Amino acid sequence: MGIRLPSMIQNAKQILKLQAKNQSGGVPKGHVAVYVGELQKKRFVVPISYLNHPSFADLLNRAEEEFGFNHPMGGLTIPCREDAFISITSKLNNAL
């Protein structure tokens, strides 16, 4: 079993590109904006299909435990490290 590092990097770049493209507030149809980070929050835009995946659902459960339904950023806030979030979403992008 090998590590597919170029693929992970490409997927992370796509996620970051989509995130940067939508900084102005617009979210493309079929996507949702989330704020990620422990101290400083960064906005990401992810496909709604991620919401049904067990790995992403675990992140959502952690967000619910920490924030309930009161998200300080005004959107869905996920309390995890940015690099961990990118790793999980890159794997999801490969799986879907």
N, C-alpha and C. Protein backbone atom coordinates (compact mmCIF):
# COMPACT_ATOMS: atom_id res chain seq x y z
N MET A 1 0.84 -1.18 0.00
CA MET A 1 0.00 0.00 0.00
C MET A 1 0.89 1.24 0.00
N GLY A 2 0.73 2.07 -0.98
CA GLY A 2 1.55 3.27 -1.08
C GLY A 2 0.78 4.52 -0.71
N ILE A 3 1.51 5.56 -0.46
CA ILE A 3 0.90 6.84 -0.15
C ILE A 3 0.73 7.62 -1.44
N ARG A 4 -0.47 8.13 -1.66
CA ARG A 4 -0.75 8.88 -2.87
C ARG A 4 -0.64 10.38 -2.56
N LEU A 5 0.55 10.82 -2.25
CA LEU A 5 0.77 12.19 -1.84
C LEU A 5 0.41 13.20 -2.93
N PRO A 6 0.82 13.00 -4.19
CA PRO A 6 0.44 13.98 -5.20
C PRO A 6 -1.08 14.15 -5.31
N SER A 7 -1.82 13.06 -5.19
CA SER A 7 -3.27 13.13 -5.26
C SER A 7 -3.83 13.92 -4.08
N MET A 8 -3.31 13.67 -2.87
CA MET A 8 -3.77 14.39 -1.68
C MET A 8 -3.48 15.88 -1.81
N ILE A 9 -2.30 16.21 -2.32
CA ILE A 9 -1.93 17.61 -2.47
C ILE A 9 -2.85 18.28 -3.50
N GLN A 10 -3.12 17.59 -4.60
CA GLN A 10 -4.00 18.15 -5.63
C GLN A 10 -5.40 18.39 -5.07
N ASN A 11 -5.92 17.44 -4.31
CA ASN A 11 -7.25 17.60 -3.72
C ASN A 11 -7.28 18.75 -2.73
N ALA A 12 -6.23 18.87 -1.93
CA ALA A 12 -6.16 19.97 -0.97
C ALA A 12 -6.12 21.31 -1.70
N LYS A 13 -5.38 21.36 -2.81
CA LYS A 13 -5.33 22.59 -3.60
C LYS A 13 -6.70 22.94 -4.15
N GLN A 14 -7.45 21.94 -4.62
CA GLN A 14 -8.79 22.19 -5.14
C GLN A 14 -9.70 22.73 -4.05
N ILE A 15 -9.61 22.16 -2.86
CA ILE A 15 -10.43 22.62 -1.74
C ILE A 15 -10.07 24.06 -1.39
N LEU A 16 -8.76 24.34 -1.31
CA LEU A 16 -8.33 25.68 -0.96
C LEU A 16 -8.70 26.69 -2.04
N LYS A 17 -8.63 26.27 -3.32
CA LYS A 17 -9.01 27.15 -4.41
C LYS A 17 -10.49 27.50 -4.31
N LEU A 18 -11.32 26.50 -4.06
CA LEU A 18 -12.75 26.72 -3.92
C LEU A 18 -13.03 27.61 -2.71
N GLN A 19 -12.28 27.39 -1.64
CA GLN A 19 -12.44 28.21 -0.44
C GLN A 19 -12.08 29.66 -0.74
N ALA A 20 -10.97 29.89 -1.43
CA ALA A 20 -10.54 31.25 -1.73
C ALA A 20 -11.51 31.92 -2.69
N LYS A 21 -12.01 31.18 -3.66
CA LYS A 21 -12.93 31.72 -4.65
C LYS A 21 -14.21 32.23 -3.99
N ASN A 22 -14.60 31.60 -2.90
CA ASN A 22 -15.87 31.93 -2.27
C ASN A 22 -15.73 32.77 -1.01
N GLN A 23 -14.59 33.41 -0.81
CA GLN A 23 -14.39 34.27 0.36
C GLN A 23 -15.38 35.43 0.38
N SER A 24 -15.85 35.81 -0.78
CA SER A 24 -16.76 36.96 -0.85
C SER A 24 -18.12 36.66 -0.26
N GLY A 25 -18.41 35.42 0.08
CA GLY A 25 -19.67 35.09 0.73
C GLY A 25 -20.54 34.16 -0.08
N GLY A 26 -20.35 34.10 -1.38
CA GLY A 26 -21.16 33.22 -2.21
C GLY A 26 -20.72 31.78 -2.05
N VAL A 27 -21.70 30.90 -1.96
CA VAL A 27 -21.41 29.47 -1.87
C VAL A 27 -22.10 28.80 -3.04
N PRO A 28 -21.36 28.05 -3.86
CA PRO A 28 -21.97 27.42 -5.02
C PRO A 28 -23.05 26.41 -4.60
N LYS A 29 -24.00 26.22 -5.49
CA LYS A 29 -25.06 25.25 -5.24
C LYS A 29 -24.45 23.88 -4.99
N GLY A 30 -24.98 23.19 -3.97
CA GLY A 30 -24.48 21.86 -3.64
C GLY A 30 -23.29 21.88 -2.70
N HIS A 31 -22.97 23.03 -2.14
CA HIS A 31 -21.85 23.17 -1.23
C HIS A 31 -22.31 23.87 0.05
N VAL A 32 -21.47 23.79 1.08
CA VAL A 32 -21.76 24.45 2.34
C VAL A 32 -20.45 25.06 2.85
N ALA A 33 -20.55 26.24 3.45
CA ALA A 33 -19.39 26.89 4.04
C ALA A 33 -19.24 26.43 5.49
N VAL A 34 -18.02 26.13 5.88
CA VAL A 34 -17.72 25.77 7.27
C VAL A 34 -16.51 26.57 7.72
N TYR A 35 -16.44 26.83 9.01
CA TYR A 35 -15.29 27.52 9.60
C TYR A 35 -14.52 26.50 10.41
N VAL A 36 -13.21 26.44 10.15
CA VAL A 36 -12.37 25.40 10.75
C VAL A 36 -11.20 26.04 11.48
N GLY A 37 -10.89 25.49 12.63
CA GLY A 37 -9.71 25.93 13.36
C GLY A 37 -9.96 25.89 14.85
N GLU A 38 -8.88 25.87 15.58
CA GLU A 38 -8.99 25.84 17.03
C GLU A 38 -9.02 27.25 17.60
N LEU A 39 -8.09 28.09 17.21
CA LEU A 39 -8.07 29.47 17.68
C LEU A 39 -8.55 30.43 16.60
N GLN A 40 -7.83 30.45 15.49
CA GLN A 40 -8.23 31.30 14.37
C GLN A 40 -9.01 30.46 13.37
N LYS A 41 -10.19 30.88 13.02
CA LYS A 41 -11.06 30.12 12.13
C LYS A 41 -10.82 30.52 10.67
N LYS A 42 -10.82 29.52 9.81
CA LYS A 42 -10.66 29.74 8.38
C LYS A 42 -11.88 29.16 7.67
N ARG A 43 -12.38 29.85 6.68
CA ARG A 43 -13.59 29.44 5.96
C ARG A 43 -13.23 28.48 4.82
N PHE A 44 -13.96 27.38 4.76
CA PHE A 44 -13.83 26.41 3.68
C PHE A 44 -15.20 26.16 3.08
N VAL A 45 -15.24 25.82 1.83
CA VAL A 45 -16.48 25.46 1.16
C VAL A 45 -16.34 24.01 0.71
N VAL A 46 -17.26 23.16 1.17
CA VAL A 46 -17.18 21.73 0.87
C VAL A 46 -18.49 21.25 0.25
N PRO A 47 -18.44 20.19 -0.55
CA PRO A 47 -19.67 19.63 -1.12
C PRO A 47 -20.58 19.09 -0.02
N ILE A 48 -21.88 19.23 -0.20
CA ILE A 48 -22.82 18.73 0.81
C ILE A 48 -22.77 17.21 0.90
N SER A 49 -22.26 16.54 -0.12
CA SER A 49 -22.15 15.08 -0.07
C SER A 49 -21.24 14.63 1.07
N TYR A 50 -20.32 15.50 1.52
CA TYR A 50 -19.45 15.16 2.63
C TYR A 50 -20.23 14.98 3.93
N LEU A 51 -21.37 15.64 4.05
CA LEU A 51 -22.13 15.62 5.30
C LEU A 51 -22.60 14.23 5.69
N ASN A 52 -22.75 13.33 4.72
CA ASN A 52 -23.21 11.98 4.99
C ASN A 52 -22.09 10.99 5.29
N HIS A 53 -20.84 11.39 5.10
CA HIS A 53 -19.73 10.48 5.30
C HIS A 53 -19.40 10.37 6.79
N PRO A 54 -19.14 9.15 7.30
CA PRO A 54 -18.88 8.95 8.73
C PRO A 54 -17.74 9.81 9.30
N SER A 55 -16.67 10.02 8.54
CA SER A 55 -15.56 10.83 9.03
C SER A 55 -15.98 12.29 9.23
N PHE A 56 -16.76 12.80 8.29
CA PHE A 56 -17.22 14.17 8.39
C PHE A 56 -18.29 14.28 9.47
N ALA A 57 -19.13 13.25 9.58
CA ALA A 57 -20.16 13.23 10.62
C ALA A 57 -19.52 13.29 12.01
N ASP A 58 -18.36 12.65 12.16
CA ASP A 58 -17.65 12.71 13.44
C ASP A 58 -17.23 14.14 13.75
N LEU A 59 -16.75 14.87 12.74
CA LEU A 59 -16.40 16.28 12.94
C LEU A 59 -17.63 17.09 13.34
N LEU A 60 -18.75 16.80 12.68
CA LEU A 60 -19.99 17.52 13.00
C LEU A 60 -20.45 17.23 14.43
N ASN A 61 -20.29 15.98 14.87
CA ASN A 61 -20.65 15.63 16.25
C ASN A 61 -19.77 16.38 17.25
N ARG A 62 -18.48 16.49 16.93
CA ARG A 62 -17.58 17.26 17.80
C ARG A 62 -18.00 18.72 17.85
N ALA A 63 -18.41 19.26 16.70
CA ALA A 63 -18.87 20.66 16.65
C ALA A 63 -20.12 20.83 17.51
N GLU A 64 -21.03 19.86 17.43
CA GLU A 64 -22.26 19.93 18.22
C GLU A 64 -21.95 19.88 19.71
N GLU A 65 -21.01 19.00 20.10
CA GLU A 65 -20.64 18.89 21.51
C GLU A 65 -20.05 20.20 22.03
N GLU A 66 -19.23 20.85 21.20
CA GLU A 66 -18.55 22.06 21.66
C GLU A 66 -19.43 23.31 21.57
N PHE A 67 -20.19 23.43 20.48
CA PHE A 67 -20.94 24.66 20.25
C PHE A 67 -22.45 24.50 20.36
N GLY A 68 -22.96 23.27 20.36
CA GLY A 68 -24.40 23.08 20.29
C GLY A 68 -24.88 23.62 18.95
N PHE A 69 -25.93 24.41 18.98
CA PHE A 69 -26.40 25.01 17.73
C PHE A 69 -26.11 26.50 17.69
N ASN A 70 -25.26 26.97 18.59
CA ASN A 70 -24.87 28.37 18.65
C ASN A 70 -23.45 28.49 18.11
N HIS A 71 -23.31 28.78 16.83
CA HIS A 71 -21.99 28.88 16.21
C HIS A 71 -21.56 30.33 16.17
N PRO A 72 -20.47 30.66 16.85
CA PRO A 72 -20.04 32.05 16.99
C PRO A 72 -19.70 32.75 15.66
N MET A 73 -19.34 32.00 14.65
CA MET A 73 -18.97 32.61 13.38
C MET A 73 -20.20 32.90 12.51
N GLY A 74 -21.37 32.48 12.95
CA GLY A 74 -22.57 32.68 12.15
C GLY A 74 -22.81 31.55 11.17
N GLY A 75 -21.86 30.64 11.04
CA GLY A 75 -21.98 29.48 10.17
C GLY A 75 -21.53 28.26 10.94
N LEU A 76 -21.47 27.16 10.29
CA LEU A 76 -21.05 25.92 10.93
C LEU A 76 -19.57 26.01 11.27
N THR A 77 -19.24 25.84 12.54
CA THR A 77 -17.86 25.92 13.01
C THR A 77 -17.41 24.54 13.46
N ILE A 78 -16.27 24.09 12.93
CA ILE A 78 -15.73 22.77 13.26
C ILE A 78 -14.44 22.96 14.05
N PRO A 79 -14.43 22.48 15.30
CA PRO A 79 -13.26 22.69 16.16
C PRO A 79 -12.17 21.64 15.95
N CYS A 80 -11.41 21.77 14.88
CA CYS A 80 -10.27 20.87 14.68
C CYS A 80 -9.17 21.66 13.99
N ARG A 81 -7.99 21.08 13.97
CA ARG A 81 -6.87 21.74 13.29
C ARG A 81 -7.14 21.80 11.79
N GLU A 82 -6.69 22.86 11.18
CA GLU A 82 -6.89 23.05 9.74
C GLU A 82 -6.26 21.92 8.93
N ASP A 83 -5.06 21.49 9.30
CA ASP A 83 -4.39 20.43 8.55
C ASP A 83 -5.14 19.10 8.67
N ALA A 84 -5.74 18.84 9.83
CA ALA A 84 -6.54 17.62 10.00
C ALA A 84 -7.79 17.68 9.13
N PHE A 85 -8.42 18.84 9.06
CA PHE A 85 -9.61 19.01 8.23
C PHE A 85 -9.27 18.79 6.76
N ILE A 86 -8.18 19.37 6.31
CA ILE A 86 -7.76 19.21 4.91
C ILE A 86 -7.45 17.75 4.61
N SER A 87 -6.83 17.07 5.54
CA SER A 87 -6.52 15.64 5.37
C SER A 87 -7.82 14.83 5.22
N ILE A 88 -8.78 15.08 6.10
CA ILE A 88 -10.05 14.34 6.05
C ILE A 88 -10.80 14.64 4.75
N THR A 89 -10.89 15.91 4.38
CA THR A 89 -11.65 16.25 3.16
C THR A 89 -10.94 15.75 1.91
N SER A 90 -9.62 15.68 1.94
CA SER A 90 -8.88 15.12 0.80
C SER A 90 -9.19 13.64 0.63
N LYS A 91 -9.25 12.92 1.76
CA LYS A 91 -9.60 11.50 1.70
C LYS A 91 -11.03 11.31 1.22
N LEU A 92 -11.94 12.19 1.68
CA LEU A 92 -13.33 12.10 1.23
C LEU A 92 -13.44 12.35 -0.26
N ASN A 93 -12.68 13.30 -0.75
CA ASN A 93 -12.71 13.62 -2.17
C ASN A 93 -12.25 12.42 -3.00
N ASN A 94 -11.28 11.67 -2.48
CA ASN A 94 -10.81 10.47 -3.19
C ASN A 94 -11.83 9.35 -3.13
N ALA A 95 -12.58 9.28 -2.02
CA ALA A 95 -13.54 8.19 -1.81
C ALA A 95 -14.83 8.39 -2.59
N LEU A 96 -15.20 9.64 -2.85
CA LEU A 96 -16.49 9.90 -3.50
C LEU A 96 -16.38 9.97 -5.00
